[in-house]
Amino acid sequence: MKRIGKNRIRRLSNHEIPAFIWLFRFWLVPFLFLLTGFTAHAQVPIIFQQGLGGYTGTHDTFFQTGNPGAIHGTETAWEWDSSDAGGMNFGFIRFDNIIGTNPGQIPPDAVILKAVLTLTVTGSGTASQIATMHELLVPFDDTQDFYSFGDGSGDVPLADQDYVAEPIASIPGPTSGDILELDVTEYIKKVAAGGNNYGLIFVPGGSDGVNVASSEAASGKPMLTVTIEGVAPTASRSFSKAGFIGGDAITVSIQVNLSQGSQDITVVETIPADWSVSAISDGGTLAEGKITWTLAGFSGSRTLTYTANAPASPKLGAQFTGVLHDAANHIIPIEGSDTLVVIPPLYKTGNVLAVGVWNDNSGSSDLAGCADLSDNNGVIYVQDTSAEGGWPAGTIFRWKVVFYDDGTPSGEEPGWQGRDFTNDTEANGWIQQTDVGFTIGYGGNDAENGETLLDSTNETVYTRSIFDARNYETISEMTLKLAGDDEAVAWLNGVLIGWTASGTSDRGETAPDYVFDTTISGGAGGLESGSNPTVYSGSGTRIFTFPVYLVEAPPVPVVDWSLF
């Protein structure tokens, strides 16, 4: 590679040119910026090239002093040459309509960091064919001949009359296949500040000519890349539904926006495990659980879509993540909605609200949990025994003590949260009482609130409240009230619907942040001292209303020992 000042020449074969341009535009910065500390301001490249993104403002030609009546504005190459047809050839190029407020333009108030003119050399004579590049002082048009330029004489263009004598750049003798990268930052800054945009002239200084691809060429067209300090691209995600059931098809929309300039953007969306996708728009491709869209020369806004297909029997909600890679290879997160909550089923009979209550540690002096479950018709199915009306009639309440050692399960019963769990029998340590329901616990102020008194060495209690739905056809949603000291997690028919833990251990259970987090910490904050815990007052939000979908299928049989 040859380097002269700030200007470069890369020697590539013709078949390598497109790949080089792609790399130049995508890998300006060879490292990734961390998300932490990233701001909305970034280095934004704006690219002008004939045909790219609808741009049509490139004008280029060459004038021959030895043949001043010739017009070359439609040819696939233009040139400079110190000796041709008894005279000299001068190359000309200009990019119009580069400053403005439209998508793809340089904003008038933009901070210009760098501007580079990229030319592809398609033919040359000797390696001694040098040239200088200058700012024009008079306009040109690629539809005119040399007689129409300047003073109309067809004579050699004059320094300080037709162009600025001081060169912007000096160019050594390039050879065919070279890529010229010429720094035109100061010229573009002058144009942006309101100066004349007459273009650039290439004045020959060697013994033989050089041809470069023109704006009419099939490939290697001149390209002006202006890097500004501007606003980075953004993206926001939305879902066609707020929640889902097994086998649901959800339309996911990602709106990408770029308010300044144009650049190449890559969008990468990560699909939740066990989900599948279809109907990917805009040429997006799926590989290894990720959808990738490549948006070349993007400007303005566009909505990318795909269909996310839920698994047949989901137990947890789904979390979607995605990022943008801009031309400077910043990593920008996709904003907006990122989670879908699984909608639990509700059956006519045999529904199960499962609630586990955990302590922070084995030495804790108290444990307490309470829950309340009602439907949109006001029917209460689970309630604290100290509340008015007491425990709802027709609801079975079962509980079991499970011991833990520093969070390691001992006596864990897989599936105890589900509707089809059949081991909740007396023989397996489950207790059923007609006069006891929530709350449940031991120690301190808990007794005065009507809890079931437990041994103070207990660390975990499982509870299962079994109930039939009333006015089944009219139920659309249910409301859970939940409080715990230290931690409580709730499931309806095996689907996780709520928990009170906030940054504390869930004792081996899966309770991700995107599911109902009441922000209640451990200790005394779990239940209010000296008050009815069913008030669900204090810090955090302890009330969660969620949709349900009705299932007509025959229920899983409930074990024989029941209150029905």
Protein backbone atom coordinates (compact mmCIF):
# COMPACT_ATOMS: atom_id res chain seq x y z
CA MET A 1 0.00 0.00 0.00
CA LYS A 2 1.19 3.46 -0.91
CA ARG A 3 0.39 6.37 1.36
CA ILE A 4 0.80 10.06 0.62
CA GLY A 5 -0.23 12.28 3.49
CA LYS A 6 -3.79 11.46 4.40
CA ASN A 7 -4.51 9.86 1.07
CA ARG A 8 -4.13 6.18 0.27
CA ILE A 9 -3.89 3.85 -2.64
CA ARG A 10 -4.77 0.16 -2.17
CA ARG A 11 -3.70 -2.26 -4.90
CA LEU A 12 -6.45 -4.82 -5.51
CA SER A 13 -7.44 -6.87 -8.48
CA ASN A 14 -10.71 -6.03 -10.18
CA HIS A 15 -12.59 -8.98 -8.69
CA GLU A 16 -11.59 -7.89 -5.19
CA ILE A 17 -13.01 -4.40 -5.42
CA PRO A 18 -16.59 -5.11 -4.31
CA ALA A 19 -15.36 -7.08 -1.30
CA PHE A 20 -13.06 -4.25 -0.31
CA ILE A 21 -15.82 -1.68 -0.47
CA TRP A 22 -18.03 -3.93 1.68
CA LEU A 23 -15.34 -4.29 4.28
CA PHE A 24 -14.58 -0.59 4.26
CA ARG A 25 -18.17 0.24 5.00
CA PHE A 26 -18.82 -2.41 7.63
CA TRP A 27 -15.58 -2.54 9.58
CA LEU A 28 -14.56 1.09 10.11
CA VAL A 29 -13.80 0.29 13.73
CA PRO A 30 -12.15 -3.07 14.41
CA PHE A 31 -13.56 -3.53 17.88
CA LEU A 32 -16.95 -3.60 19.57
CA PHE A 33 -18.08 -0.94 21.97
CA LEU A 34 -19.58 -2.21 25.20
CA LEU A 35 -23.21 -1.39 25.87
CA THR A 36 -22.29 0.18 29.17
CA GLY A 37 -21.73 3.87 28.67
CA PHE A 38 -22.92 3.94 25.07
CA THR A 39 -24.74 7.13 24.19
CA ALA A 40 -27.07 8.08 21.39
CA HIS A 41 -24.25 9.96 19.65
CA ALA A 42 -22.01 8.01 17.32
CA GLN A 43 -19.83 8.29 14.27
CA VAL A 44 -22.33 8.02 11.44
CA PRO A 45 -21.03 7.47 7.88
CA ILE A 46 -23.19 8.92 5.10
CA ILE A 47 -22.46 7.36 1.72
CA PHE A 48 -23.11 8.96 -1.66
CA GLN A 49 -22.79 6.73 -4.71
CA GLN A 50 -24.80 6.78 -7.92
CA GLY A 51 -27.76 4.41 -7.55
CA LEU A 52 -27.15 3.63 -3.86
CA GLY A 53 -30.31 4.29 -1.88
CA GLY A 54 -31.77 6.17 -4.85
CA TYR A 55 -28.96 8.74 -5.00
CA THR A 56 -28.50 10.29 -8.49
CA GLY A 57 -26.34 13.35 -7.80
CA THR A 58 -22.92 12.23 -9.08
CA HIS A 59 -21.53 14.17 -12.07
CA ASP A 60 -18.22 13.21 -13.66
CA THR A 61 -16.53 13.67 -17.00
CA PHE A 62 -13.22 14.66 -18.59
CA PHE A 63 -12.33 17.47 -20.96
CA GLN A 64 -9.72 17.26 -23.71
CA THR A 65 -7.86 20.41 -24.63
CA GLY A 66 -6.72 18.62 -27.82
CA ASN A 67 -10.35 17.83 -28.70
CA PRO A 68 -12.36 20.51 -26.87
CA GLY A 69 -15.63 19.78 -28.68
CA ALA A 70 -15.89 16.20 -27.38
CA ILE A 71 -18.48 15.28 -24.70
CA HIS A 72 -17.57 12.44 -22.30
CA GLY A 73 -20.21 12.70 -19.55
CA THR A 74 -21.93 9.39 -20.39
CA GLU A 75 -18.85 7.19 -20.66
CA THR A 76 -18.09 4.42 -18.16
CA ALA A 77 -14.69 5.94 -17.28
CA TRP A 78 -13.13 9.37 -17.02
CA GLU A 79 -9.44 10.17 -17.04
CA TRP A 80 -6.54 12.51 -16.66
CA ASP A 81 -3.67 12.52 -19.15
CA SER A 82 -0.77 14.92 -19.76
CA SER A 83 -0.56 14.05 -23.47
CA ASP A 84 -3.54 13.00 -25.54
CA ALA A 85 -4.77 14.15 -28.97
CA GLY A 86 -2.19 16.88 -28.97
CA GLY A 87 -3.31 18.25 -25.62
CA MET A 88 -4.13 17.41 -21.99
CA ASN A 89 -7.07 15.64 -20.40
CA PHE A 90 -8.54 16.89 -17.11
CA GLY A 91 -10.87 14.82 -14.90
CA PHE A 92 -13.89 16.36 -13.17
CA ILE A 93 -16.24 15.07 -10.45
CA ARG A 94 -18.98 16.54 -8.23
CA PHE A 95 -21.58 15.22 -5.81
CA ASP A 96 -24.77 17.32 -5.76
CA ASN A 97 -27.52 17.51 -3.14
CA ILE A 98 -25.39 16.22 -0.30
CA ILE A 99 -26.46 18.85 2.26
CA GLY A 100 -30.05 18.94 3.49
CA THR A 101 -32.64 17.61 5.87
CA ASN A 102 -33.87 14.67 3.81
CA PRO A 103 -32.94 11.06 4.60
CA GLY A 104 -29.51 10.25 3.25
CA GLN A 105 -28.28 13.87 3.30
CA ILE A 106 -25.77 15.58 5.58
CA PRO A 107 -27.75 17.73 8.05
CA PRO A 108 -26.79 21.43 7.76
CA ASP A 109 -25.75 21.56 11.40
CA ALA A 110 -23.85 18.26 11.41
CA VAL A 111 -20.34 17.98 12.81
CA ILE A 112 -18.28 16.56 9.93
CA LEU A 113 -15.49 14.34 11.18
CA LYS A 114 -14.09 13.06 7.88
CA ALA A 115 -14.87 12.89 4.16
CA VAL A 116 -13.24 10.42 1.76
CA LEU A 117 -13.57 10.21 -2.03
CA THR A 118 -13.08 6.62 -3.23
CA LEU A 119 -12.14 6.02 -6.89
CA THR A 120 -11.52 2.75 -8.73
CA VAL A 121 -8.67 2.77 -11.27
CA THR A 122 -9.66 0.84 -14.39
CA GLY A 123 -6.69 1.63 -16.66
CA SER A 124 -3.35 3.39 -16.60
CA GLY A 125 -0.23 4.06 -18.59
CA THR A 126 3.08 4.38 -16.82
CA ALA A 127 3.57 4.38 -13.09
CA SER A 128 4.92 7.90 -13.39
CA GLN A 129 1.50 9.31 -14.26
CA ILE A 130 0.93 11.59 -11.28
CA ALA A 131 -1.86 14.11 -10.72
CA THR A 132 -3.07 16.70 -8.26
CA MET A 133 -6.64 17.22 -7.10
CA HIS A 134 -7.99 20.78 -6.67
CA GLU A 135 -11.18 22.57 -5.73
CA LEU A 136 -12.95 24.11 -8.72
CA LEU A 137 -13.71 27.85 -8.78
CA VAL A 138 -16.12 27.62 -11.70
CA PRO A 139 -18.92 25.13 -12.37
CA PHE A 140 -18.94 22.31 -14.91
CA ASP A 141 -21.59 20.05 -16.35
CA ASP A 142 -21.13 16.50 -17.59
CA THR A 143 -23.35 17.24 -20.60
CA GLN A 144 -21.08 20.01 -21.93
CA ASP A 145 -17.86 20.10 -23.93
CA PHE A 146 -14.68 21.96 -23.05
CA TYR A 147 -15.70 25.00 -25.05
CA SER A 148 -18.52 25.52 -22.56
CA PHE A 149 -16.25 25.34 -19.52
CA GLY A 150 -14.72 28.37 -17.85
CA ASP A 151 -14.00 31.19 -20.31
CA GLY A 152 -15.08 28.96 -23.22
CA SER A 153 -11.71 29.07 -24.93
CA GLY A 154 -10.97 25.37 -24.69
CA ASP A 155 -7.52 26.24 -23.43
CA VAL A 156 -5.80 24.57 -20.50
CA PRO A 157 -7.66 25.31 -17.21
CA LEU A 158 -5.84 27.96 -15.21
CA ALA A 159 -4.85 27.91 -11.55
CA ASP A 160 -6.55 30.53 -9.39
CA GLN A 161 -8.94 31.24 -12.27
CA ASP A 162 -10.60 27.91 -12.90
CA TYR A 163 -9.40 26.08 -9.80
CA VAL A 164 -7.60 26.72 -6.50
CA ALA A 165 -3.85 26.52 -7.10
CA GLU A 166 -3.13 24.78 -3.78
CA PRO A 167 -3.92 21.09 -4.27
CA ILE A 168 -6.18 19.16 -1.94
CA ALA A 169 -4.21 15.99 -2.63
CA SER A 170 -1.30 14.67 -4.69
CA ILE A 171 -1.71 11.31 -6.41
CA PRO A 172 1.22 9.09 -7.41
CA GLY A 173 1.03 6.98 -10.54
CA PRO A 174 -1.70 4.40 -9.85
CA THR A 175 -2.12 1.21 -11.82
CA SER A 176 -5.20 -0.69 -12.91
CA GLY A 177 -7.10 -2.24 -9.97
CA ASP A 178 -5.97 0.35 -7.43
CA ILE A 179 -8.49 1.93 -5.09
CA LEU A 180 -7.83 5.60 -4.42
CA GLU A 181 -8.99 6.99 -1.07
CA LEU A 182 -8.65 10.77 -1.17
CA ASP A 183 -9.25 12.96 1.85
CA VAL A 184 -11.70 15.74 0.95
CA THR A 185 -12.74 16.64 4.51
CA GLU A 186 -11.96 20.34 4.35
CA TYR A 187 -13.68 20.74 0.99
CA ILE A 188 -16.90 19.08 2.24
CA LYS A 189 -16.80 21.14 5.43
CA LYS A 190 -16.62 24.28 3.28
CA VAL A 191 -19.60 23.13 1.21
CA ALA A 192 -21.59 22.30 4.36
CA ALA A 193 -20.86 25.79 5.67
CA GLY A 194 -22.50 27.31 2.60
CA GLY A 195 -19.57 27.42 0.18
CA ASN A 196 -19.82 26.71 -3.54
CA ASN A 197 -19.97 23.06 -4.54
CA TYR A 198 -18.46 23.31 -8.02
CA GLY A 199 -16.64 20.01 -7.63
CA LEU A 200 -13.07 18.81 -8.05
CA ILE A 201 -10.59 18.80 -10.92
CA PHE A 202 -7.75 16.31 -11.51
CA VAL A 203 -4.77 18.01 -13.12
CA PRO A 204 -2.31 15.62 -14.87
CA GLY A 205 1.40 15.85 -14.20
CA GLY A 206 2.97 12.75 -15.71
CA SER A 207 3.69 11.14 -19.01
CA ASP A 208 0.65 8.95 -19.58
CA GLY A 209 -3.06 8.70 -18.71
CA VAL A 210 -5.11 7.15 -15.90
CA ASN A 211 -8.73 5.95 -16.23
CA VAL A 212 -11.14 5.66 -13.28
CA ALA A 213 -14.63 4.15 -13.19
CA SER A 214 -17.36 6.73 -13.67
CA SER A 215 -20.85 7.00 -12.19
CA GLU A 216 -22.10 5.17 -15.30
CA ALA A 217 -19.86 2.14 -14.71
CA ALA A 218 -21.32 -1.24 -13.77
CA SER A 219 -19.09 -1.47 -10.68
CA GLY A 220 -16.54 0.58 -8.82
CA LYS A 221 -18.51 3.82 -9.13
CA PRO A 222 -17.06 6.87 -7.32
CA MET A 223 -18.12 6.96 -3.69
CA LEU A 224 -18.12 9.85 -1.23
CA THR A 225 -18.19 8.75 2.42
CA VAL A 226 -18.82 11.55 4.91
CA THR A 227 -18.58 10.61 8.59
CA ILE A 228 -20.49 12.88 10.91
CA GLU A 229 -21.15 13.02 14.61
CA GLY A 230 -24.79 12.24 14.64
CA VAL A 231 -27.60 10.15 16.01
CA ALA A 232 -27.12 6.41 15.97
CA PRO A 233 -29.82 4.13 14.52
CA THR A 234 -32.50 2.91 16.91
CA ALA A 235 -34.97 0.05 16.92
CA SER A 236 -38.08 -0.79 18.91
CA ARG A 237 -39.88 -4.13 19.20
CA SER A 238 -43.61 -4.78 19.56
CA PHE A 239 -45.81 -7.90 19.70
CA SER A 240 -49.22 -8.59 18.20
CA LYS A 241 -50.27 -10.07 21.58
CA ALA A 242 -49.24 -9.33 25.16
CA GLY A 243 -49.41 -12.96 26.19
CA PHE A 244 -49.58 -16.39 24.59
CA ILE A 245 -50.79 -19.95 24.96
CA GLY A 246 -49.28 -23.17 23.71
CA GLY A 247 -48.87 -23.24 19.93
CA ASP A 248 -49.67 -19.53 19.51
CA ALA A 249 -48.31 -17.58 16.53
CA ILE A 250 -47.13 -14.09 17.51
CA THR A 251 -46.23 -11.42 14.96
CA VAL A 252 -43.06 -9.62 16.07
CA SER A 253 -42.38 -6.18 14.59
CA ILE A 254 -39.04 -4.37 14.83
CA GLN A 255 -39.09 -0.75 13.66
CA VAL A 256 -35.63 0.50 12.68
CA ASN A 257 -35.03 4.26 12.46
CA LEU A 258 -32.12 6.39 11.26
CA SER A 259 -32.89 10.10 11.46
CA GLN A 260 -29.62 11.30 9.90
CA GLY A 261 -27.75 10.16 6.84
CA SER A 262 -27.58 6.62 5.52
CA GLN A 263 -25.42 3.69 6.47
CA ASP A 264 -25.21 -0.08 6.49
CA ILE A 265 -27.02 -1.58 9.47
CA THR A 266 -27.22 -5.17 10.69
CA VAL A 267 -30.12 -6.28 12.92
CA VAL A 268 -29.75 -9.47 14.97
CA GLU A 269 -32.73 -10.90 16.88
CA THR A 270 -32.30 -13.84 19.30
CA ILE A 271 -35.26 -16.22 19.50
CA PRO A 272 -36.29 -17.78 22.85
CA ALA A 273 -35.39 -21.41 23.31
CA ASP A 274 -38.07 -23.93 22.20
CA TRP A 275 -39.66 -21.34 19.89
CA SER A 276 -39.67 -21.50 16.10
CA VAL A 277 -39.99 -18.72 13.53
CA SER A 278 -41.46 -18.28 10.07
CA ALA A 279 -42.43 -15.53 7.60
CA ILE A 280 -39.23 -13.50 8.05
CA SER A 281 -39.46 -10.23 6.12
CA ASP A 282 -36.90 -8.15 4.22
CA GLY A 283 -34.54 -10.99 3.38
CA GLY A 284 -33.75 -11.88 6.98
CA THR A 285 -32.05 -15.23 7.54
CA LEU A 286 -32.32 -17.67 10.46
CA ALA A 287 -29.28 -19.51 11.82
CA GLU A 288 -28.53 -20.97 15.26
CA GLY A 289 -31.56 -19.37 16.88
CA LYS A 290 -30.88 -15.87 15.52
CA ILE A 291 -32.48 -13.84 12.74
CA THR A 292 -30.12 -11.52 10.87
CA TRP A 293 -31.15 -8.68 8.59
CA THR A 294 -28.55 -6.79 6.54
CA LEU A 295 -29.79 -3.32 5.56
CA ALA A 296 -27.38 -1.76 3.07
CA GLY A 297 -27.46 2.01 2.62
CA PHE A 298 -30.32 2.28 5.11
CA SER A 299 -31.99 5.59 5.88
CA GLY A 300 -35.33 6.74 7.28
CA SER A 301 -37.41 3.99 8.88
CA ARG A 302 -38.47 0.43 8.12
CA THR A 303 -40.47 -2.23 9.97
CA LEU A 304 -39.01 -5.74 10.01
CA THR A 305 -41.39 -8.57 10.89
CA TYR A 306 -41.42 -12.29 11.59
CA THR A 307 -43.76 -14.84 13.14
CA ALA A 308 -42.73 -16.38 16.48
CA ASN A 309 -44.36 -19.76 17.15
CA ALA A 310 -44.74 -20.76 20.81
CA PRO A 311 -44.04 -24.30 22.06
CA ALA A 312 -47.01 -26.61 22.54
CA SER A 313 -46.86 -26.74 26.36
CA PRO A 314 -45.14 -23.62 27.71
CA LYS A 315 -44.51 -23.26 31.43
CA LEU A 316 -42.73 -19.91 31.46
CA GLY A 317 -42.96 -16.65 29.58
CA ALA A 318 -40.59 -15.84 26.74
CA GLN A 319 -37.91 -13.18 26.55
CA PHE A 320 -36.70 -11.73 23.23
CA THR A 321 -33.39 -9.94 22.80
CA GLY A 322 -31.89 -8.15 19.84
CA VAL A 323 -29.25 -5.62 18.83
CA LEU A 324 -28.28 -3.33 15.97
CA HIS A 325 -24.77 -3.12 14.54
CA ASP A 326 -24.23 0.26 12.93
CA ALA A 327 -21.54 1.11 10.37
CA ALA A 328 -19.06 1.88 13.16
CA ASN A 329 -19.93 -1.52 14.69
CA HIS A 330 -21.48 -0.11 17.83
CA ILE A 331 -23.81 -2.58 19.50
CA ILE A 332 -27.18 -0.91 20.12
CA PRO A 333 -29.94 -2.82 21.97
CA ILE A 334 -33.43 -3.09 20.51
CA GLU A 335 -35.81 -1.23 22.82
CA GLY A 336 -39.55 -1.59 23.38
CA SER A 337 -41.32 -4.78 24.44
CA ASP A 338 -39.09 -7.76 25.08
CA THR A 339 -41.22 -10.29 26.99
CA LEU A 340 -44.35 -12.32 26.46
CA VAL A 341 -46.15 -13.75 29.45
CA VAL A 342 -47.56 -17.23 29.07
CA ILE A 343 -51.32 -17.23 29.66
CA PRO A 344 -52.26 -20.01 32.11
CA PRO A 345 -55.22 -22.30 31.37
CA LEU A 346 -58.33 -22.34 33.54
CA TYR A 347 -60.42 -25.52 33.74
CA LYS A 348 -63.98 -26.03 34.84
CA THR A 349 -62.85 -28.27 37.68
CA GLY A 350 -59.66 -29.22 39.42
CA ASN A 351 -57.62 -26.01 39.10
CA VAL A 352 -54.51 -25.71 41.28
CA LEU A 353 -52.94 -22.56 42.74
CA ALA A 354 -49.51 -23.66 44.00
CA VAL A 355 -47.56 -21.32 46.29
CA GLY A 356 -44.12 -22.00 47.74
CA VAL A 357 -42.78 -19.97 50.68
CA TRP A 358 -39.01 -19.82 51.31
CA ASN A 359 -36.68 -18.40 53.94
CA ASP A 360 -33.42 -16.64 53.16
CA ASN A 361 -31.50 -19.04 55.40
CA SER A 362 -31.91 -21.87 57.88
CA GLY A 363 -31.36 -19.56 60.86
CA SER A 364 -34.22 -17.23 60.04
CA SER A 365 -36.56 -16.48 62.97
CA ASP A 366 -39.77 -16.34 60.95
CA LEU A 367 -41.49 -17.50 57.79
CA ALA A 368 -44.81 -16.35 56.41
CA GLY A 369 -46.77 -16.30 53.19
CA CYS A 370 -50.26 -15.37 52.15
CA ALA A 371 -52.14 -15.39 48.87
CA ASP A 372 -55.51 -14.35 47.52
CA LEU A 373 -56.95 -15.45 44.16
CA SER A 374 -60.15 -14.13 42.57
CA ASP A 375 -61.68 -13.85 39.09
CA ASN A 376 -63.10 -10.90 37.14
CA ASN A 377 -66.58 -11.71 38.49
CA GLY A 378 -65.42 -11.11 42.05
CA VAL A 379 -65.44 -14.80 43.05
CA ILE A 380 -62.69 -15.55 45.62
CA TYR A 381 -61.09 -19.00 45.40
CA VAL A 382 -58.09 -18.63 47.72
CA GLN A 383 -58.05 -16.34 50.74
CA ASP A 384 -56.39 -15.69 54.06
CA THR A 385 -58.31 -17.36 56.92
CA SER A 386 -58.24 -14.12 58.89
CA ALA A 387 -60.07 -12.24 56.13
CA GLU A 388 -63.77 -11.56 56.31
CA GLY A 389 -65.68 -14.67 55.33
CA GLY A 390 -62.74 -16.94 56.00
CA TRP A 391 -61.53 -19.64 53.66
CA PRO A 392 -63.76 -19.98 50.56
CA ALA A 393 -66.09 -22.95 50.64
CA GLY A 394 -65.28 -25.73 48.21
CA THR A 395 -61.54 -25.06 48.01
CA ILE A 396 -59.09 -27.74 49.14
CA PHE A 397 -55.99 -26.44 50.92
CA ARG A 398 -52.98 -28.73 51.28
CA TRP A 399 -49.51 -27.93 52.52
CA LYS A 400 -46.25 -29.68 53.15
CA VAL A 401 -43.05 -28.76 54.94
CA VAL A 402 -39.86 -29.20 52.92
CA PHE A 403 -36.45 -28.80 54.56
CA TYR A 404 -33.51 -27.12 52.86
CA ASP A 405 -29.86 -26.79 53.75
CA ASP A 406 -28.36 -23.51 52.49
CA GLY A 407 -30.59 -23.55 49.48
CA THR A 408 -29.90 -27.14 48.45
CA PRO A 409 -33.14 -29.08 47.99
CA SER A 410 -33.81 -32.05 50.20
CA GLY A 411 -37.18 -33.64 49.71
CA GLU A 412 -37.94 -31.74 46.53
CA GLU A 413 -40.95 -33.10 44.68
CA PRO A 414 -40.69 -32.36 40.96
CA GLY A 415 -43.95 -31.23 39.48
CA TRP A 416 -45.64 -30.30 42.75
CA GLN A 417 -46.73 -26.99 41.17
CA GLY A 418 -48.72 -28.73 38.41
CA ARG A 419 -52.33 -29.70 38.02
CA ASP A 420 -51.54 -33.34 37.28
CA PHE A 421 -49.46 -33.83 40.44
CA THR A 422 -50.95 -36.79 42.34
CA ASN A 423 -48.48 -37.26 45.18
CA ASP A 424 -50.07 -34.65 47.46
CA THR A 425 -51.28 -37.33 49.85
CA GLU A 426 -51.06 -37.85 53.58
CA ALA A 427 -48.68 -40.71 53.02
CA ASN A 428 -46.28 -38.29 51.32
CA GLY A 429 -46.43 -35.73 54.12
CA TRP A 430 -49.10 -33.42 52.72
CA ILE A 431 -51.53 -31.99 55.27
CA GLN A 432 -55.13 -31.10 54.48
CA GLN A 433 -57.20 -29.00 56.88
CA THR A 434 -60.69 -27.60 56.62
CA ASP A 435 -60.13 -24.77 59.08
CA VAL A 436 -56.78 -23.53 57.84
CA GLY A 437 -55.71 -21.66 54.72
CA PHE A 438 -53.45 -18.73 54.06
CA THR A 439 -51.60 -17.34 55.81
CA ILE A 440 -49.04 -19.97 56.75
CA GLY A 441 -45.81 -19.59 58.68
CA TYR A 442 -44.22 -19.24 62.08
CA GLY A 443 -42.47 -16.81 64.39
CA GLY A 444 -42.69 -13.21 65.53
CA ASN A 445 -45.77 -11.24 64.54
CA ASP A 446 -46.96 -13.95 62.17
CA ALA A 447 -49.07 -15.79 64.75
CA GLU A 448 -51.29 -12.83 65.46
CA ASN A 449 -52.21 -12.72 61.79
CA GLY A 450 -53.68 -16.20 61.84
CA GLU A 451 -50.90 -18.21 60.25
CA THR A 452 -50.57 -21.89 60.61
CA LEU A 453 -47.94 -22.29 63.29
CA LEU A 454 -44.99 -24.32 62.11
CA ASP A 455 -41.80 -25.56 63.70
CA SER A 456 -39.20 -22.78 63.78
CA THR A 457 -36.66 -24.95 61.98
CA ASN A 458 -38.75 -25.05 58.86
CA GLU A 459 -37.30 -23.39 55.82
CA THR A 460 -39.80 -24.08 53.07
CA VAL A 461 -43.51 -24.73 52.79
CA TYR A 462 -45.35 -25.92 49.67
CA THR A 463 -49.08 -25.22 49.37
CA ARG A 464 -51.69 -26.40 46.87
CA SER A 465 -55.16 -24.82 46.70
CA ILE A 466 -57.52 -26.92 44.53
CA PHE A 467 -60.74 -25.32 43.29
CA ASP A 468 -63.48 -25.46 40.66
CA ALA A 469 -64.21 -22.42 38.49
CA ARG A 470 -67.58 -20.70 38.99
CA ASN A 471 -69.47 -19.10 36.11
CA TYR A 472 -66.76 -20.63 33.97
CA GLU A 473 -67.84 -19.18 30.64
CA THR A 474 -67.65 -15.57 31.90
CA ILE A 475 -64.10 -15.68 33.29
CA SER A 476 -61.46 -13.79 31.27
CA GLU A 477 -58.85 -12.86 33.87
CA MET A 478 -57.84 -13.49 37.46
CA THR A 479 -56.16 -11.43 40.16
CA LEU A 480 -53.41 -12.73 42.43
CA LYS A 481 -52.43 -11.03 45.67
CA LEU A 482 -49.16 -12.34 47.04
CA ALA A 483 -46.88 -11.50 49.96
CA GLY A 484 -44.10 -13.41 51.64
CA ASP A 485 -41.35 -13.37 54.22
CA ASP A 486 -38.83 -14.01 52.84
CA GLU A 487 -39.91 -15.26 49.44
CA ALA A 488 -43.08 -16.56 47.80
CA VAL A 489 -43.60 -17.96 44.30
CA ALA A 490 -46.99 -18.80 42.75
CA TRP A 491 -48.16 -21.03 39.87
CA LEU A 492 -51.64 -21.57 38.36
CA ASN A 493 -52.06 -25.02 36.81
CA GLY A 494 -48.28 -25.35 36.49
CA VAL A 495 -47.69 -21.94 34.85
CA LEU A 496 -45.55 -19.45 36.79
CA ILE A 497 -47.63 -16.33 37.44
CA GLY A 498 -46.00 -14.41 40.28
CA TRP A 499 -43.28 -14.12 42.87
CA THR A 500 -42.18 -11.76 45.61
CA ALA A 501 -38.44 -12.35 45.57
CA SER A 502 -36.35 -9.33 44.56
CA GLY A 503 -32.70 -10.13 44.16
CA THR A 504 -32.96 -12.97 46.63
CA SER A 505 -32.69 -16.70 46.10
CA ASP A 506 -35.73 -18.49 44.75
CA ARG A 507 -34.59 -21.70 46.47
CA GLY A 508 -33.95 -23.57 43.31
CA GLU A 509 -37.13 -22.58 41.52
CA THR A 510 -37.14 -20.79 38.20
CA ALA A 511 -38.64 -17.34 38.72
CA PRO A 512 -37.11 -14.97 36.15
CA ASP A 513 -37.26 -11.21 36.50
CA TYR A 514 -39.74 -10.70 33.73
CA VAL A 515 -42.48 -12.49 35.68
CA PHE A 516 -44.36 -10.55 38.33
CA ASP A 517 -41.72 -9.16 40.66
CA THR A 518 -43.25 -7.37 43.64
CA THR A 519 -39.86 -5.86 44.65
CA ILE A 520 -40.41 -7.08 48.21
CA SER A 521 -37.16 -7.93 49.96
CA GLY A 522 -36.78 -10.47 52.69
CA GLY A 523 -37.21 -9.96 56.41
CA ALA A 524 -39.97 -7.94 58.02
CA GLY A 525 -40.86 -6.31 54.73
CA GLY A 526 -42.49 -9.50 53.54
CA LEU A 527 -45.56 -9.09 55.75
CA GLU A 528 -46.70 -6.03 57.63
CA SER A 529 -46.20 -6.24 61.38
CA GLY A 530 -49.40 -6.22 63.41
CA SER A 531 -51.71 -5.89 60.40
CA ASN A 532 -53.83 -8.22 58.35
CA PRO A 533 -51.53 -9.54 55.65
CA THR A 534 -54.38 -9.77 53.16
CA VAL A 535 -54.27 -5.99 52.89
CA TYR A 536 -51.13 -6.47 50.78
CA SER A 537 -49.85 -3.06 51.72
CA GLY A 538 -46.32 -1.79 52.08
CA SER A 539 -43.50 -1.52 49.57
CA GLY A 540 -43.84 -3.00 46.12
CA THR A 541 -46.83 -4.04 44.09
CA ARG A 542 -48.38 -7.18 45.48
CA ILE A 543 -51.42 -7.38 43.21
CA PHE A 544 -51.18 -8.92 39.73
CA THR A 545 -54.08 -9.25 37.24
CA PHE A 546 -53.43 -11.69 34.41
CA PRO A 547 -55.46 -13.22 31.55
CA VAL A 548 -56.51 -16.86 31.45
CA TYR A 549 -57.83 -19.01 28.65
CA LEU A 550 -60.65 -21.48 29.19
CA VAL A 551 -60.10 -25.18 28.57
CA GLU A 552 -63.07 -27.44 28.06
CA ALA A 553 -61.03 -30.64 28.13
CA PRO A 554 -61.84 -33.18 30.83
CA PRO A 555 -59.88 -32.39 33.98
CA VAL A 556 -57.10 -34.52 35.40
CA PRO A 557 -58.68 -36.49 38.26
CA VAL A 558 -58.11 -35.16 41.76
CA VAL A 559 -57.00 -37.72 44.34
CA ASP A 560 -59.71 -39.31 46.44
CA TRP A 561 -59.09 -37.55 49.74
CA SER A 562 -60.78 -34.22 48.99
CA LEU A 563 -63.33 -31.91 50.48
CA PHE A 564 -65.70 -32.25 47.52
